Every structure is written in structure tokens, then in C-alpha cells.
Amino acid sequence: ENALKHAFLGRKKGNRVTVQVEALPSKRLHISVRD
């Protein structure tokens, strides 16, 4: 929601958001949200 509200500043096309969840070898969970 933060990305959709703030990342694109009125740009109407070409807006990408990528969500990824993965397990790390250290038994930690990694969540990333990129725009």
C-alpha cells in the first residue's frame, strides 16, 4: 500500500511492484517489496 500511494507520484503507466518471500540458510525469513 505504501508503494502504491507514494512511489509513482501520479505516473499512470509502467508502475511495477514486486513482492518476494524466501527462506534464508540462517533460518530467517526474508520479505521484500520493491518498486
PDB file of all heavy atoms in Angstrom:
ATOM      1  N   GLU A   1       0.833  -1.203   0.000  1.00  0.00           N
ATOM      2  CA  GLU A   1       0.000   0.000   0.000  1.00  0.00           C
ATOM      3  C   GLU A   1       0.867   1.253   0.000  1.00  0.00           C
ATOM      4  O   GLU A   1       0.570   2.232  -0.696  1.00  0.00           O
ATOM      5  CB  GLU A   1      -0.921   0.006   1.216  1.00  0.00           C
ATOM      6  CG  GLU A   1      -1.863   1.200   1.263  1.00  0.00           C
ATOM      7  CD  GLU A   1      -2.829   1.143   2.429  1.00  0.00           C
ATOM      8  OE1 GLU A   1      -2.884   0.103   3.108  1.00  0.00           O
ATOM      9  OE2 GLU A   1      -3.529   2.149   2.658  1.00  0.00           O
ATOM     10  N   ASN A   2       1.945   1.221   0.747  1.00  0.00           N
ATOM     11  CA  ASN A   2       2.868   2.350   0.779  1.00  0.00           C
ATOM     12  C   ASN A   2       3.447   2.624  -0.609  1.00  0.00           C
ATOM     13  O   ASN A   2       3.558   3.774  -1.037  1.00  0.00           O
ATOM     14  CB  ASN A   2       3.993   2.060   1.776  1.00  0.00           C
ATOM     15  CG  ASN A   2       4.946   3.219   1.935  1.00  0.00           C
ATOM     16  OD1 ASN A   2       4.645   4.220   2.554  1.00  0.00           O
ATOM     17  ND2 ASN A   2       6.138   3.086   1.353  1.00  0.00           N
ATOM     18  N   ALA A   3       3.792   1.544  -1.326  1.00  0.00           N
ATOM     19  CA  ALA A   3       4.334   1.713  -2.683  1.00  0.00           C
ATOM     20  C   ALA A   3       3.299   2.309  -3.626  1.00  0.00           C
ATOM     21  O   ALA A   3       3.590   3.239  -4.386  1.00  0.00           O
ATOM     22  CB  ALA A   3       4.826   0.367  -3.211  1.00  0.00           C
ATOM     23  N   LEU A   4       2.077   1.788  -3.577  1.00  0.00           N
ATOM     24  CA  LEU A   4       1.038   2.283  -4.482  1.00  0.00           C
ATOM     25  C   LEU A   4       0.704   3.749  -4.198  1.00  0.00           C
ATOM     26  O   LEU A   4       0.389   4.511  -5.110  1.00  0.00           O
ATOM     27  CB  LEU A   4      -0.226   1.429  -4.372  1.00  0.00           C
ATOM     28  CG  LEU A   4      -0.090  -0.059  -4.716  1.00  0.00           C
ATOM     29  CD1 LEU A   4      -1.470  -0.699  -4.809  1.00  0.00           C
ATOM     30  CD2 LEU A   4       0.670  -0.274  -6.006  1.00  0.00           C
ATOM     31  N   LYS A   5       0.759   4.142  -2.936  1.00  0.00           N
ATOM     32  CA  LYS A   5       0.410   5.516  -2.570  1.00  0.00           C
ATOM     33  C   LYS A   5       1.501   6.526  -2.902  1.00  0.00           C
ATOM     34  O   LYS A   5       1.216   7.650  -3.318  1.00  0.00           O
ATOM     35  CB  LYS A   5       0.113   5.594  -1.060  1.00  0.00           C
ATOM     36  CG  LYS A   5      -1.266   5.130  -0.657  1.00  0.00           C
ATOM     37  CD  LYS A   5      -1.445   5.377   0.830  1.00  0.00           C
ATOM     38  CE  LYS A   5      -2.857   5.028   1.286  1.00  0.00           C
ATOM     39  NZ  LYS A   5      -3.048   5.276   2.738  1.00  0.00           N
ATOM     40  N   HIS A   6       2.762   6.108  -2.697  1.00  0.00           N
ATOM     41  CA  HIS A   6       3.829   7.106  -2.683  1.00  0.00           C
ATOM     42  C   HIS A   6       4.896   6.953  -3.762  1.00  0.00           C
ATOM     43  O   HIS A   6       5.622   7.920  -4.032  1.00  0.00           O
ATOM     44  CB  HIS A   6       4.524   7.082  -1.313  1.00  0.00           C
ATOM     45  CG  HIS A   6       3.607   7.314  -0.151  1.00  0.00           C
ATOM     46  ND1 HIS A   6       3.012   8.539   0.092  1.00  0.00           N
ATOM     47  CD2 HIS A   6       3.162   6.467   0.815  1.00  0.00           C
ATOM     48  CE1 HIS A   6       2.256   8.436   1.186  1.00  0.00           C
ATOM     49  NE2 HIS A   6       2.330   7.201   1.631  1.00  0.00           N
ATOM     50  N   ALA A   7       5.019   5.779  -4.359  1.00  0.00           N
ATOM     51  CA  ALA A   7       6.197   5.536  -5.202  1.00  0.00           C
ATOM     52  C   ALA A   7       6.138   6.215  -6.561  1.00  0.00           C
ATOM     53  O   ALA A   7       7.178   6.584  -7.115  1.00  0.00           O
ATOM     54  CB  ALA A   7       6.402   4.027  -5.388  1.00  0.00           C
ATOM     55  N   PHE A   8       4.939   6.398  -7.104  1.00  0.00           N
ATOM     56  CA  PHE A   8       4.837   6.719  -8.528  1.00  0.00           C
ATOM     57  C   PHE A   8       4.391   8.142  -8.843  1.00  0.00           C
ATOM     58  O   PHE A   8       4.418   8.560  -9.999  1.00  0.00           O
ATOM     59  CB  PHE A   8       3.906   5.709  -9.210  1.00  0.00           C
ATOM     60  CG  PHE A   8       4.292   4.284  -8.931  1.00  0.00           C
ATOM     61  CD1 PHE A   8       3.447   3.453  -8.197  1.00  0.00           C
ATOM     62  CD2 PHE A   8       5.496   3.788  -9.361  1.00  0.00           C
ATOM     63  CE1 PHE A   8       3.802   2.141  -7.923  1.00  0.00           C
ATOM     64  CE2 PHE A   8       5.872   2.478  -9.099  1.00  0.00           C
ATOM     65  CZ  PHE A   8       5.022   1.652  -8.378  1.00  0.00           C
ATOM     66  N   LEU A   9       3.949   8.883  -7.846  1.00  0.00           N
ATOM     67  CA  LEU A   9       3.659  10.314  -7.986  1.00  0.00           C
ATOM     68  C   LEU A   9       2.833  10.659  -9.230  1.00  0.00           C
ATOM     69  O   LEU A   9       3.197  11.512 -10.036  1.00  0.00           O
ATOM     70  CB  LEU A   9       4.971  11.109  -8.017  1.00  0.00           C
ATOM     71  CG  LEU A   9       5.820  11.048  -6.735  1.00  0.00           C
ATOM     72  CD1 LEU A   9       7.136  11.792  -6.933  1.00  0.00           C
ATOM     73  CD2 LEU A   9       5.048  11.619  -5.563  1.00  0.00           C
ATOM     74  N   GLY A  10       1.717   9.964  -9.395  1.00  0.00           N
ATOM     75  CA  GLY A  10       0.805  10.285 -10.494  1.00  0.00           C
ATOM     76  C   GLY A  10       1.122   9.613 -11.807  1.00  0.00           C
ATOM     77  O   GLY A  10       0.371   9.770 -12.775  1.00  0.00           O
ATOM     78  N   ARG A  11       2.208   8.880 -11.884  1.00  0.00           N
ATOM     79  CA  ARG A  11       2.539   8.174 -13.131  1.00  0.00           C
ATOM     80  C   ARG A  11       1.510   7.072 -13.373  1.00  0.00           C
ATOM     81  O   ARG A  11       1.264   6.252 -12.506  1.00  0.00           O
ATOM     82  CB  ARG A  11       3.946   7.575 -13.032  1.00  0.00           C
ATOM     83  CG  ARG A  11       4.469   7.036 -14.359  1.00  0.00           C
ATOM     84  CD  ARG A  11       5.941   6.637 -14.225  1.00  0.00           C
ATOM     85  NE  ARG A  11       6.097   5.454 -13.383  1.00  0.00           N
ATOM     86  CZ  ARG A  11       7.271   4.993 -12.979  1.00  0.00           C
ATOM     87  NH1 ARG A  11       8.392   5.656 -13.287  1.00  0.00           N
ATOM     88  NH2 ARG A  11       7.353   3.918 -12.223  1.00  0.00           N
ATOM     89  N   LYS A  12       0.926   7.037 -14.542  1.00  0.00           N
ATOM     90  CA  LYS A  12      -0.209   6.158 -14.797  1.00  0.00           C
ATOM     91  C   LYS A  12       0.157   4.853 -15.494  1.00  0.00           C
ATOM     92  O   LYS A  12      -0.680   3.950 -15.587  1.00  0.00           O
ATOM     93  CB  LYS A  12      -1.263   6.897 -15.628  1.00  0.00           C
ATOM     94  CG  LYS A  12      -1.862   8.087 -14.884  1.00  0.00           C
ATOM     95  CD  LYS A  12      -2.962   8.754 -15.682  1.00  0.00           C
ATOM     96  CE  LYS A  12      -3.568   9.926 -14.902  1.00  0.00           C
ATOM     97  NZ  LYS A  12      -4.653  10.588 -15.658  1.00  0.00           N
ATOM     98  N   LYS A  13       1.369   4.727 -16.006  1.00  0.00           N
ATOM     99  CA  LYS A  13       1.762   3.501 -16.694  1.00  0.00           C
ATOM    100  C   LYS A  13       3.184   3.118 -16.300  1.00  0.00           C
ATOM    101  O   LYS A  13       3.970   3.944 -15.846  1.00  0.00           O
ATOM    102  CB  LYS A  13       1.676   3.678 -18.206  1.00  0.00           C
ATOM    103  CG  LYS A  13       0.259   3.855 -18.736  1.00  0.00           C
ATOM    104  CD  LYS A  13       0.240   3.910 -20.263  1.00  0.00           C
ATOM    105  CE  LYS A  13      -1.185   4.028 -20.780  1.00  0.00           C
ATOM    106  NZ  LYS A  13      -1.230   4.083 -22.263  1.00  0.00           N
ATOM    107  N   GLY A  14       3.477   1.807 -16.489  1.00  0.00           N
ATOM    108  CA  GLY A  14       4.828   1.329 -16.233  1.00  0.00           C
ATOM    109  C   GLY A  14       5.194   1.235 -14.769  1.00  0.00           C
ATOM    110  O   GLY A  14       6.381   1.245 -14.425  1.00  0.00           O
ATOM    111  N   ASN A  15       4.197   1.125 -13.901  1.00  0.00           N
ATOM    112  CA  ASN A  15       4.447   1.070 -12.454  1.00  0.00           C
ATOM    113  C   ASN A  15       4.493  -0.387 -11.994  1.00  0.00           C
ATOM    114  O   ASN A  15       3.498  -1.105 -12.093  1.00  0.00           O
ATOM    115  CB  ASN A  15       3.349   1.816 -11.698  1.00  0.00           C
ATOM    116  CG  ASN A  15       3.242   3.268 -12.136  1.00  0.00           C
ATOM    117  OD1 ASN A  15       4.246   3.936 -12.329  1.00  0.00           O
ATOM    118  ND2 ASN A  15       2.021   3.753 -12.311  1.00  0.00           N
ATOM    119  N   ARG A  16       5.623  -0.809 -11.495  1.00  0.00           N
ATOM    120  CA  ARG A  16       5.800  -2.210 -11.105  1.00  0.00           C
ATOM    121  C   ARG A  16       6.106  -2.320  -9.612  1.00  0.00           C
ATOM    122  O   ARG A  16       6.901  -1.557  -9.069  1.00  0.00           O
ATOM    123  CB  ARG A  16       6.923  -2.864 -11.902  1.00  0.00           C
ATOM    124  CG  ARG A  16       6.643  -2.977 -13.392  1.00  0.00           C
ATOM    125  CD  ARG A  16       7.665  -3.880 -14.069  1.00  0.00           C
ATOM    126  NE  ARG A  16       9.039  -3.404 -13.862  1.00  0.00           N
ATOM    127  CZ  ARG A  16       9.610  -2.478 -14.616  1.00  0.00           C
ATOM    128  NH1 ARG A  16       8.946  -1.915 -15.610  1.00  0.00           N
ATOM    129  NH2 ARG A  16      10.861  -2.111 -14.374  1.00  0.00           N
ATOM    130  N   VAL A  17       5.457  -3.308  -8.983  1.00  0.00           N
ATOM    131  CA  VAL A  17       5.735  -3.643  -7.587  1.00  0.00           C
ATOM    132  C   VAL A  17       5.969  -5.145  -7.521  1.00  0.00           C
ATOM    133  O   VAL A  17       5.167  -5.928  -8.039  1.00  0.00           O
ATOM    134  CB  VAL A  17       4.575  -3.249  -6.657  1.00  0.00           C
ATOM    135  CG1 VAL A  17       4.890  -3.667  -5.216  1.00  0.00           C
ATOM    136  CG2 VAL A  17       4.322  -1.751  -6.716  1.00  0.00           C
ATOM    137  N   THR A  18       7.064  -5.544  -6.903  1.00  0.00           N
ATOM    138  CA  THR A  18       7.426  -6.956  -6.801  1.00  0.00           C
ATOM    139  C   THR A  18       7.493  -7.359  -5.336  1.00  0.00           C
ATOM    140  O   THR A  18       8.182  -6.719  -4.537  1.00  0.00           O
ATOM    141  CB  THR A  18       8.789  -7.220  -7.462  1.00  0.00           C
ATOM    142  OG1 THR A  18       8.732  -6.829  -8.830  1.00  0.00           O
ATOM    143  CG2 THR A  18       9.141  -8.692  -7.384  1.00  0.00           C
ATOM    144  N   VAL A  19       6.760  -8.413  -4.991  1.00  0.00           N
ATOM    145  CA  VAL A  19       6.764  -8.958  -3.630  1.00  0.00           C
ATOM    146  C   VAL A  19       7.431 -10.331  -3.675  1.00  0.00           C
ATOM    147  O   VAL A  19       7.074 -11.176  -4.504  1.00  0.00           O
ATOM    148  CB  VAL A  19       5.330  -9.094  -3.073  1.00  0.00           C
ATOM    149  CG1 VAL A  19       5.354  -9.714  -1.673  1.00  0.00           C
ATOM    150  CG2 VAL A  19       4.625  -7.745  -3.061  1.00  0.00           C
ATOM    151  N   GLN A  20       8.378 -10.545  -2.777  1.00  0.00           N
ATOM    152  CA  GLN A  20       9.062 -11.834  -2.734  1.00  0.00           C
ATOM    153  C   GLN A  20       9.258 -12.271  -1.294  1.00  0.00           C
ATOM    154  O   GLN A  20       9.631 -11.471  -0.427  1.00  0.00           O
ATOM    155  CB  GLN A  20      10.421 -11.747  -3.435  1.00  0.00           C
ATOM    156  CG  GLN A  20      11.123 -13.093  -3.566  1.00  0.00           C
ATOM    157  CD  GLN A  20      12.356 -13.010  -4.450  1.00  0.00           C
ATOM    158  OE1 GLN A  20      12.771 -11.926  -4.846  1.00  0.00           O
ATOM    159  NE2 GLN A  20      12.932 -14.159  -4.767  1.00  0.00           N
ATOM    160  N   VAL A  21       8.974 -13.538  -1.037  1.00  0.00           N
ATOM    161  CA  VAL A  21       9.190 -14.132   0.287  1.00  0.00           C
ATOM    162  C   VAL A  21      10.099 -15.338   0.098  1.00  0.00           C
ATOM    163  O   VAL A  21       9.829 -16.203  -0.752  1.00  0.00           O
ATOM    164  CB  VAL A  21       7.856 -14.561   0.934  1.00  0.00           C
ATOM    165  CG1 VAL A  21       8.106 -15.195   2.302  1.00  0.00           C
ATOM    166  CG2 VAL A  21       6.916 -13.365   1.073  1.00  0.00           C
ATOM    167  N   GLU A  22      11.172 -15.404   0.882  1.00  0.00           N
ATOM    168  CA  GLU A  22      12.103 -16.520   0.745  1.00  0.00           C
ATOM    169  C   GLU A  22      12.700 -16.885   2.096  1.00  0.00           C
ATOM    170  O   GLU A  22      12.747 -16.069   3.018  1.00  0.00           O
ATOM    171  CB  GLU A  22      13.221 -16.172  -0.242  1.00  0.00           C
ATOM    172  CG  GLU A  22      14.059 -14.979   0.162  1.00  0.00           C
ATOM    173  CD  GLU A  22      15.146 -14.667  -0.833  1.00  0.00           C
ATOM    174  OE1 GLU A  22      15.463 -15.530  -1.661  1.00  0.00           O
ATOM    175  OE2 GLU A  22      15.692 -13.540  -0.777  1.00  0.00           O
ATOM    176  N   ALA A  23      13.138 -18.133   2.195  1.00  0.00           N
ATOM    177  CA  ALA A  23      13.811 -18.616   3.398  1.00  0.00           C
ATOM    178  C   ALA A  23      15.311 -18.499   3.195  1.00  0.00           C
ATOM    179  O   ALA A  23      15.844 -18.847   2.137  1.00  0.00           O
ATOM    180  CB  ALA A  23      13.416 -20.057   3.670  1.00  0.00           C
ATOM    181  N   LEU A  24      16.011 -18.020   4.223  1.00  0.00           N
ATOM    182  CA  LEU A  24      17.460 -17.894   4.165  1.00  0.00           C
ATOM    183  C   LEU A  24      18.111 -19.063   4.898  1.00  0.00           C
ATOM    184  O   LEU A  24      17.506 -19.663   5.803  1.00  0.00           O
ATOM    185  CB  LEU A  24      17.891 -16.569   4.799  1.00  0.00           C
ATOM    186  CG  LEU A  24      17.296 -15.293   4.163  1.00  0.00           C
ATOM    187  CD1 LEU A  24      17.785 -14.065   4.917  1.00  0.00           C
ATOM    188  CD2 LEU A  24      17.651 -15.203   2.694  1.00  0.00           C
ATOM    189  N   PRO A  25      19.349 -19.404   4.545  1.00  0.00           N
ATOM    190  CA  PRO A  25      20.031 -20.526   5.218  1.00  0.00           C
ATOM    191  C   PRO A  25      20.142 -20.349   6.725  1.00  0.00           C
ATOM    192  O   PRO A  25      20.226 -21.319   7.461  1.00  0.00           O
ATOM    193  CB  PRO A  25      21.420 -20.512   4.558  1.00  0.00           C
ATOM    194  CG  PRO A  25      21.209 -19.866   3.234  1.00  0.00           C
ATOM    195  CD  PRO A  25      20.143 -18.838   3.453  1.00  0.00           C
ATOM    196  N   SER A  26      20.099 -19.111   7.181  1.00  0.00           N
ATOM    197  CA  SER A  26      20.223 -18.829   8.616  1.00  0.00           C
ATOM    198  C   SER A  26      18.919 -19.032   9.374  1.00  0.00           C
ATOM    199  O   SER A  26      18.780 -18.572  10.508  1.00  0.00           O
ATOM    200  CB  SER A  26      20.692 -17.386   8.803  1.00  0.00           C
ATOM    201  OG  SER A  26      19.795 -16.480   8.172  1.00  0.00           O
ATOM    202  N   LYS A  27      17.949 -19.716   8.755  1.00  0.00           N
ATOM    203  CA  LYS A  27      16.626 -19.945   9.347  1.00  0.00           C
ATOM    204  C   LYS A  27      15.914 -18.634   9.640  1.00  0.00           C
ATOM    205  O   LYS A  27      15.252 -18.469  10.663  1.00  0.00           O
ATOM    206  CB  LYS A  27      16.733 -20.795  10.611  1.00  0.00           C
ATOM    207  CG  LYS A  27      17.181 -22.224  10.349  1.00  0.00           C
ATOM    208  CD  LYS A  27      17.133 -23.069  11.605  1.00  0.00           C
ATOM    209  CE  LYS A  27      17.544 -24.508  11.307  1.00  0.00           C
ATOM    210  NZ  LYS A  27      17.499 -25.355  12.517  1.00  0.00           N
ATOM    211  N   ARG A  28      16.074 -17.710   8.720  1.00  0.00           N
ATOM    212  CA  ARG A  28      15.383 -16.438   8.795  1.00  0.00           C
ATOM    213  C   ARG A  28      14.491 -16.283   7.574  1.00  0.00           C
ATOM    214  O   ARG A  28      14.768 -16.846   6.500  1.00  0.00           O
ATOM    215  CB  ARG A  28      16.385 -15.277   8.874  1.00  0.00           C
ATOM    216  CG  ARG A  28      17.077 -15.207  10.218  1.00  0.00           C
ATOM    217  CD  ARG A  28      18.315 -14.337  10.176  1.00  0.00           C
ATOM    218  NE  ARG A  28      18.026 -12.926   9.940  1.00  0.00           N
ATOM    219  CZ  ARG A  28      17.612 -12.083  10.878  1.00  0.00           C
ATOM    220  NH1 ARG A  28      17.398 -12.504  12.105  1.00  0.00           N
ATOM    221  NH2 ARG A  28      17.401 -10.809  10.605  1.00  0.00           N
ATOM    222  N   LEU A  29      13.422 -15.535   7.740  1.00  0.00           N
ATOM    223  CA  LEU A  29      12.502 -15.259   6.642  1.00  0.00           C
ATOM    224  C   LEU A  29      12.828 -13.894   6.073  1.00  0.00           C
ATOM    225  O   LEU A  29      12.982 -12.917   6.817  1.00  0.00           O
ATOM    226  CB  LEU A  29      11.055 -15.291   7.134  1.00  0.00           C
ATOM    227  CG  LEU A  29       9.978 -15.200   6.038  1.00  0.00           C
ATOM    228  CD1 LEU A  29       9.939 -16.495   5.230  1.00  0.00           C
ATOM    229  CD2 LEU A  29       8.613 -14.922   6.661  1.00  0.00           C
ATOM    230  N   HIS A  30      12.912 -13.816   4.760  1.00  0.00           N
ATOM    231  CA  HIS A  30      13.223 -12.565   4.084  1.00  0.00           C
ATOM    232  C   HIS A  30      12.012 -12.146   3.254  1.00  0.00           C
ATOM    233  O   HIS A  30      11.548 -12.889   2.385  1.00  0.00           O
ATOM    234  CB  HIS A  30      14.447 -12.751   3.169  1.00  0.00           C
ATOM    235  CG  HIS A  30      14.760 -11.550   2.340  1.00  0.00           C
ATOM    236  ND1 HIS A  30      15.166 -11.647   1.015  1.00  0.00           N
ATOM    237  CD2 HIS A  30      14.719 -10.223   2.619  1.00  0.00           C
ATOM    238  CE1 HIS A  30      15.376 -10.432   0.538  1.00  0.00           C
ATOM    239  NE2 HIS A  30      15.107  -9.555   1.494  1.00  0.00           N
ATOM    240  N   ILE A  31      11.463 -10.975   3.536  1.00  0.00           N
ATOM    241  CA  ILE A  31      10.331 -10.413   2.790  1.00  0.00           C
ATOM    242  C   ILE A  31      10.802  -9.137   2.119  1.00  0.00           C
ATOM    243  O   ILE A  31      11.351  -8.254   2.784  1.00  0.00           O
ATOM    244  CB  ILE A  31       9.146 -10.100   3.717  1.00  0.00           C
ATOM    245  CG1 ILE A  31       8.677 -11.357   4.453  1.00  0.00           C
ATOM    246  CG2 ILE A  31       7.989  -9.473   2.934  1.00  0.00           C
ATOM    247  CD1 ILE A  31       7.687 -11.067   5.573  1.00  0.00           C
ATOM    248  N   SER A  32      10.602  -9.037   0.824  1.00  0.00           N
ATOM    249  CA  SER A  32      10.998  -7.809   0.124  1.00  0.00           C
ATOM    250  C   SER A  32       9.840  -7.290  -0.722  1.00  0.00           C
ATOM    251  O   SER A  32       9.096  -8.067  -1.319  1.00  0.00           O
ATOM    252  CB  SER A  32      12.215  -8.054  -0.771  1.00  0.00           C
ATOM    253  OG  SER A  32      11.896  -8.887  -1.857  1.00  0.00           O
ATOM    254  N   VAL A  33       9.683  -5.974  -0.719  1.00  0.00           N
ATOM    255  CA  VAL A  33       8.702  -5.291  -1.573  1.00  0.00           C
ATOM    256  C   VAL A  33       9.468  -4.200  -2.312  1.00  0.00           C
ATOM    257  O   VAL A  33       9.974  -3.257  -1.695  1.00  0.00           O
ATOM    258  CB  VAL A  33       7.553  -4.686  -0.748  1.00  0.00           C
ATOM    259  CG1 VAL A  33       6.604  -3.913  -1.660  1.00  0.00           C
ATOM    260  CG2 VAL A  33       6.793  -5.790  -0.010  1.00  0.00           C
ATOM    261  N   ARG A  34       9.558  -4.351  -3.632  1.00  0.00           N
ATOM    262  CA  ARG A  34      10.337  -3.421  -4.451  1.00  0.00           C
ATOM    263  C   ARG A  34       9.429  -2.733  -5.456  1.00  0.00           C
ATOM    264  O   ARG A  34       8.477  -3.326  -5.963  1.00  0.00           O
ATOM    265  CB  ARG A  34      11.454  -4.159  -5.195  1.00  0.00           C
ATOM    266  CG  ARG A  34      12.486  -4.813  -4.290  1.00  0.00           C
ATOM    267  CD  ARG A  34      13.610  -5.466  -5.105  1.00  0.00           C
ATOM    268  NE  ARG A  34      14.680  -5.970  -4.254  1.00  0.00           N
ATOM    269  CZ  ARG A  34      14.730  -7.189  -3.743  1.00  0.00           C
ATOM    270  NH1 ARG A  34      13.747  -8.035  -4.021  1.00  0.00           N
ATOM    271  NH2 ARG A  34      15.729  -7.570  -2.981  1.00  0.00           N
ATOM    272  N   ASP A  35       9.732  -1.482  -5.754  1.00  0.00           N
ATOM    273  CA  ASP A  35       9.002  -0.754  -6.785  1.00  0.00           C
ATOM    274  C   ASP A  35       9.990  -0.051  -7.708  1.00  0.00           C
ATOM    275  O   ASP A  35      11.170   0.091  -7.380  1.00  0.00           O
ATOM    276  CB  ASP A  35       8.033   0.257  -6.156  1.00  0.00           C
ATOM    277  CG  ASP A  35       8.749   1.373  -5.388  1.00  0.00           C
ATOM    278  OD1 ASP A  35       9.438   2.185  -6.033  1.00  0.00           O
ATOM    279  OD2 ASP A  35       8.625   1.432  -4.148  1.00  0.00           O
TER     280      ASP A  35
END
